[in-house]
Amino acid sequence: MKTDIILAGVGGQGILSIAASLGAAALNENYYLKQAETHGMSQRGGAVVSHLRIADHPIHSDLIPLGAADLILSVEPMESLRYLPHLAPGGSLVTNTIEFKNIPNYPELESTFEELSQKINIIRIDADQIAKDTGNPKASNMVMLGAASPFIAIHDDIIIKGIESIFKAKGDKIVEMNVEAFKAGRTFSTKNK
């Protein structure tokens, strides 16, 4: 078993919570884990990326080579395009549709995603709306994790345990809300795969 994941987004969108939840899930199963993060100007809406490598055998590098990622999980659509060269043939892209317009002249992306969907497997999800519908508008990152979970070689129950361990210090209600957001994302992705 091996899953190489690029997590991409903008500062404040919860990329590190996604990485921590997946990391906890992997460690709970005694999998090997390597992670590398770049924060940049994350506090000011800058790019954040995390390379997350999970396997049942030793992993020798923190970074995922170009053309080797099994999954790109992006909480911001333009950031997903930035890391597209990392995607392996047959890999999947799971991206939020809600744009974080942190640059002037933010491009129109609809036609780009339409063209890409002819070549690669893409799940596009309005994670912000789904998070609001679950009653936790701050949990769009967990919706995204749920949407990506069918493409990750770790059972969803194990990922849920990882989410529980990451959020348990915040109390049962926060844990429950994040798990519900995860499940809502997973349901969307399963129906739209």
Protein backbone atom coordinates (compact mmCIF):
# COMPACT_ATOMS: atom_id res chain seq x y z
CA MET A 1 0.00 0.00 0.00
CA LYS A 2 1.22 3.47 -0.91
CA THR A 3 -0.55 6.80 -1.29
CA ASP A 4 1.23 10.01 -2.25
CA ILE A 5 -0.92 13.10 -1.69
CA ILE A 6 -0.35 16.77 -2.47
CA LEU A 7 -2.43 18.98 -0.18
CA ALA A 8 -2.75 22.50 -1.59
CA GLY A 9 -4.52 25.67 -0.65
CA VAL A 10 -4.21 29.10 0.87
CA GLY A 11 -3.26 30.02 4.42
CA GLY A 12 -6.18 29.67 6.82
CA GLN A 13 -8.02 27.00 4.82
CA GLY A 14 -7.06 24.13 7.11
CA ILE A 15 -4.46 22.29 5.02
CA LEU A 16 -2.43 21.49 8.12
CA SER A 17 -5.49 20.05 9.91
CA ILE A 18 -6.10 17.77 6.93
CA ALA A 19 -2.45 16.67 7.01
CA ALA A 20 -2.58 16.12 10.78
CA SER A 21 -5.77 14.05 10.54
CA LEU A 22 -4.35 11.85 7.78
CA GLY A 23 -1.05 11.59 9.62
CA ALA A 24 -2.80 10.48 12.80
CA ALA A 25 -4.82 7.92 10.84
CA ALA A 26 -1.66 6.53 9.22
CA LEU A 27 0.23 6.31 12.50
CA ASN A 28 -2.73 4.66 14.24
CA GLU A 29 -2.43 1.88 11.65
CA ASN A 30 1.37 1.65 12.05
CA TYR A 31 1.94 2.86 8.49
CA TYR A 32 5.07 4.73 7.50
CA LEU A 33 4.59 8.46 7.03
CA LYS A 34 6.64 11.27 5.54
CA GLN A 35 5.44 14.84 5.34
CA ALA A 36 6.90 18.07 4.02
CA GLU A 37 5.14 21.44 4.24
CA THR A 38 5.65 24.87 2.75
CA HIS A 39 3.81 27.68 4.48
CA GLY A 40 5.05 30.75 2.58
CA MET A 41 2.95 33.78 3.37
CA SER A 42 0.19 31.60 4.73
CA GLN A 43 -0.94 34.12 7.34
CA ARG A 44 -1.60 36.63 4.58
CA GLY A 45 -3.49 34.36 2.21
CA GLY A 46 -0.41 32.91 0.53
CA ALA A 47 0.03 29.42 -0.82
CA VAL A 48 0.34 26.41 1.48
CA VAL A 49 1.35 22.98 0.23
CA SER A 50 1.99 19.73 2.02
CA HIS A 51 3.48 16.57 0.53
CA LEU A 52 2.06 13.60 2.43
CA ARG A 53 3.41 10.12 1.77
CA ILE A 54 1.81 7.10 3.44
CA ALA A 55 2.89 3.48 2.89
CA ASP A 56 3.10 0.06 4.50
CA HIS A 57 6.84 0.03 3.76
CA PRO A 58 9.67 2.50 4.46
CA ILE A 59 9.57 5.80 2.56
CA HIS A 60 12.87 7.39 1.65
CA SER A 61 11.91 10.94 0.63
CA ASP A 62 9.60 13.59 2.04
CA LEU A 63 8.86 15.11 -1.37
CA ILE A 64 6.64 13.65 -4.07
CA PRO A 65 8.34 13.75 -7.47
CA LEU A 66 6.69 15.27 -10.53
CA GLY A 67 4.24 12.83 -12.07
CA ALA A 68 4.03 10.62 -8.99
CA ALA A 69 1.15 11.94 -6.81
CA ASP A 70 -1.82 9.60 -6.54
CA LEU A 71 -4.00 12.47 -5.39
CA ILE A 72 -4.07 16.24 -5.34
CA LEU A 73 -6.45 17.52 -2.68
CA SER A 74 -6.86 21.27 -3.10
CA VAL A 75 -8.97 23.54 -0.95
CA GLU A 76 -8.55 26.32 -3.57
CA PRO A 77 -9.07 25.65 -7.31
CA MET A 78 -6.18 27.67 -8.76
CA GLU A 79 -3.77 26.07 -6.30
CA SER A 80 -4.82 22.67 -7.66
CA LEU A 81 -3.60 23.75 -11.09
CA ARG A 82 -0.25 24.88 -9.70
CA TYR A 83 0.53 21.31 -8.55
CA LEU A 84 -1.01 19.45 -11.49
CA PRO A 85 2.44 18.47 -12.86
CA HIS A 86 2.85 16.31 -9.73
CA LEU A 87 -0.19 14.17 -10.60
CA ALA A 88 0.58 10.62 -11.74
CA PRO A 89 -1.11 9.11 -14.78
CA GLY A 90 -4.36 7.69 -13.44
CA GLY A 91 -4.22 9.96 -10.39
CA SER A 92 -7.18 12.01 -9.14
CA LEU A 93 -7.77 15.67 -8.42
CA VAL A 94 -10.24 16.70 -5.72
CA THR A 95 -10.75 20.46 -5.58
CA ASN A 96 -13.00 22.97 -3.94
CA THR A 97 -14.92 25.13 -6.43
CA ILE A 98 -14.84 28.22 -4.21
CA GLU A 99 -12.08 30.59 -5.24
CA PHE A 100 -9.91 32.57 -2.84
CA LYS A 101 -9.09 35.56 -5.01
CA ASN A 102 -5.81 36.64 -3.46
CA ILE A 103 -4.25 38.02 -6.65
CA PRO A 104 -5.30 40.71 -9.11
CA ASN A 105 -6.75 39.38 -12.37
CA TYR A 106 -7.67 36.00 -10.92
CA PRO A 107 -8.36 33.90 -14.03
CA GLU A 108 -11.63 32.33 -15.08
CA LEU A 109 -11.16 28.62 -14.36
CA GLU A 110 -14.37 26.93 -15.52
CA SER A 111 -13.20 26.20 -19.06
CA THR A 112 -9.83 24.95 -17.76
CA PHE A 113 -11.53 22.42 -15.48
CA GLU A 114 -13.93 21.39 -18.25
CA GLU A 115 -10.96 20.61 -20.51
CA LEU A 116 -9.04 18.83 -17.73
CA SER A 117 -12.03 16.64 -16.88
CA GLN A 118 -11.66 15.06 -20.33
CA LYS A 119 -8.13 13.92 -19.40
CA ILE A 120 -8.06 13.21 -15.65
CA ASN A 121 -10.42 12.16 -12.88
CA ILE A 122 -11.66 15.34 -11.15
CA ILE A 123 -14.07 15.78 -8.28
CA ARG A 124 -15.15 19.42 -7.97
CA ILE A 125 -17.05 20.22 -4.79
CA ASP A 126 -18.47 23.32 -3.15
CA ALA A 127 -17.01 22.38 0.22
CA ASP A 128 -17.91 25.73 1.77
CA GLN A 129 -21.63 25.24 1.11
CA ILE A 130 -21.59 21.62 2.26
CA ALA A 131 -19.81 22.67 5.47
CA LYS A 132 -22.52 25.32 6.06
CA ASP A 133 -25.21 22.72 5.39
CA THR A 134 -23.72 20.48 8.10
CA GLY A 135 -23.89 23.39 10.56
CA ASN A 136 -20.12 23.97 10.73
CA PRO A 137 -19.03 26.56 8.12
CA LYS A 138 -15.43 26.33 9.35
CA ALA A 139 -15.20 22.64 8.46
CA SER A 140 -14.84 22.93 4.68
CA ASN A 141 -11.39 21.35 5.04
CA MET A 142 -12.96 18.23 6.58
CA VAL A 143 -15.53 18.19 3.76
CA MET A 144 -12.58 18.21 1.36
CA LEU A 145 -10.88 15.39 3.25
CA GLY A 146 -14.09 13.39 3.04
CA ALA A 147 -14.38 14.04 -0.69
CA ALA A 148 -10.78 12.86 -1.19
CA SER A 149 -11.10 9.82 1.10
CA PRO A 150 -12.30 7.37 -1.60
CA PHE A 151 -8.95 7.94 -3.34
CA ILE A 152 -6.82 7.35 -0.23
CA ALA A 153 -5.66 3.83 0.63
CA ILE A 154 -6.85 4.14 4.24
CA HIS A 155 -10.35 3.04 5.27
CA ASP A 156 -12.69 5.91 6.11
CA ASP A 157 -13.26 4.59 9.67
CA ILE A 158 -9.51 4.91 10.29
CA ILE A 159 -9.48 8.48 8.92
CA ILE A 160 -12.40 9.31 11.23
CA LYS A 161 -10.34 8.04 14.18
CA GLY A 162 -7.55 10.36 13.03
CA ILE A 163 -9.97 13.30 12.94
CA GLU A 164 -11.21 12.40 16.41
CA SER A 165 -7.68 12.31 17.81
CA ILE A 166 -6.76 15.69 16.26
CA PHE A 167 -9.88 17.52 17.49
CA LYS A 168 -10.54 15.73 20.83
CA ALA A 169 -8.95 18.54 22.87
CA LYS A 170 -11.64 20.89 21.54
CA GLY A 171 -14.46 18.75 22.90
CA ASP A 172 -16.96 16.19 21.71
CA LYS A 173 -19.18 18.66 19.86
CA ILE A 174 -16.29 19.90 17.68
CA VAL A 175 -15.20 16.31 17.01
CA GLU A 176 -18.75 15.37 16.01
CA MET A 177 -19.13 18.41 13.72
CA ASN A 178 -15.85 17.67 11.93
CA VAL A 179 -16.72 14.01 11.50
CA GLU A 180 -20.12 14.98 10.05
CA ALA A 181 -18.41 17.35 7.61
CA PHE A 182 -16.04 14.53 6.60
CA LYS A 183 -18.97 12.16 6.01
CA ALA A 184 -20.84 14.76 3.94
CA GLY A 185 -17.80 15.24 1.70
CA ARG A 186 -17.34 11.49 1.32
CA THR A 187 -21.00 11.07 0.36
CA PHE A 188 -20.70 13.79 -2.30
CA SER A 189 -17.57 12.25 -3.79
CA THR A 190 -18.97 8.72 -3.79
CA LYS A 191 -22.05 9.90 -5.68
CA ASN A 192 -20.03 11.96 -8.19
CA LYS A 193 -17.02 9.69 -8.78
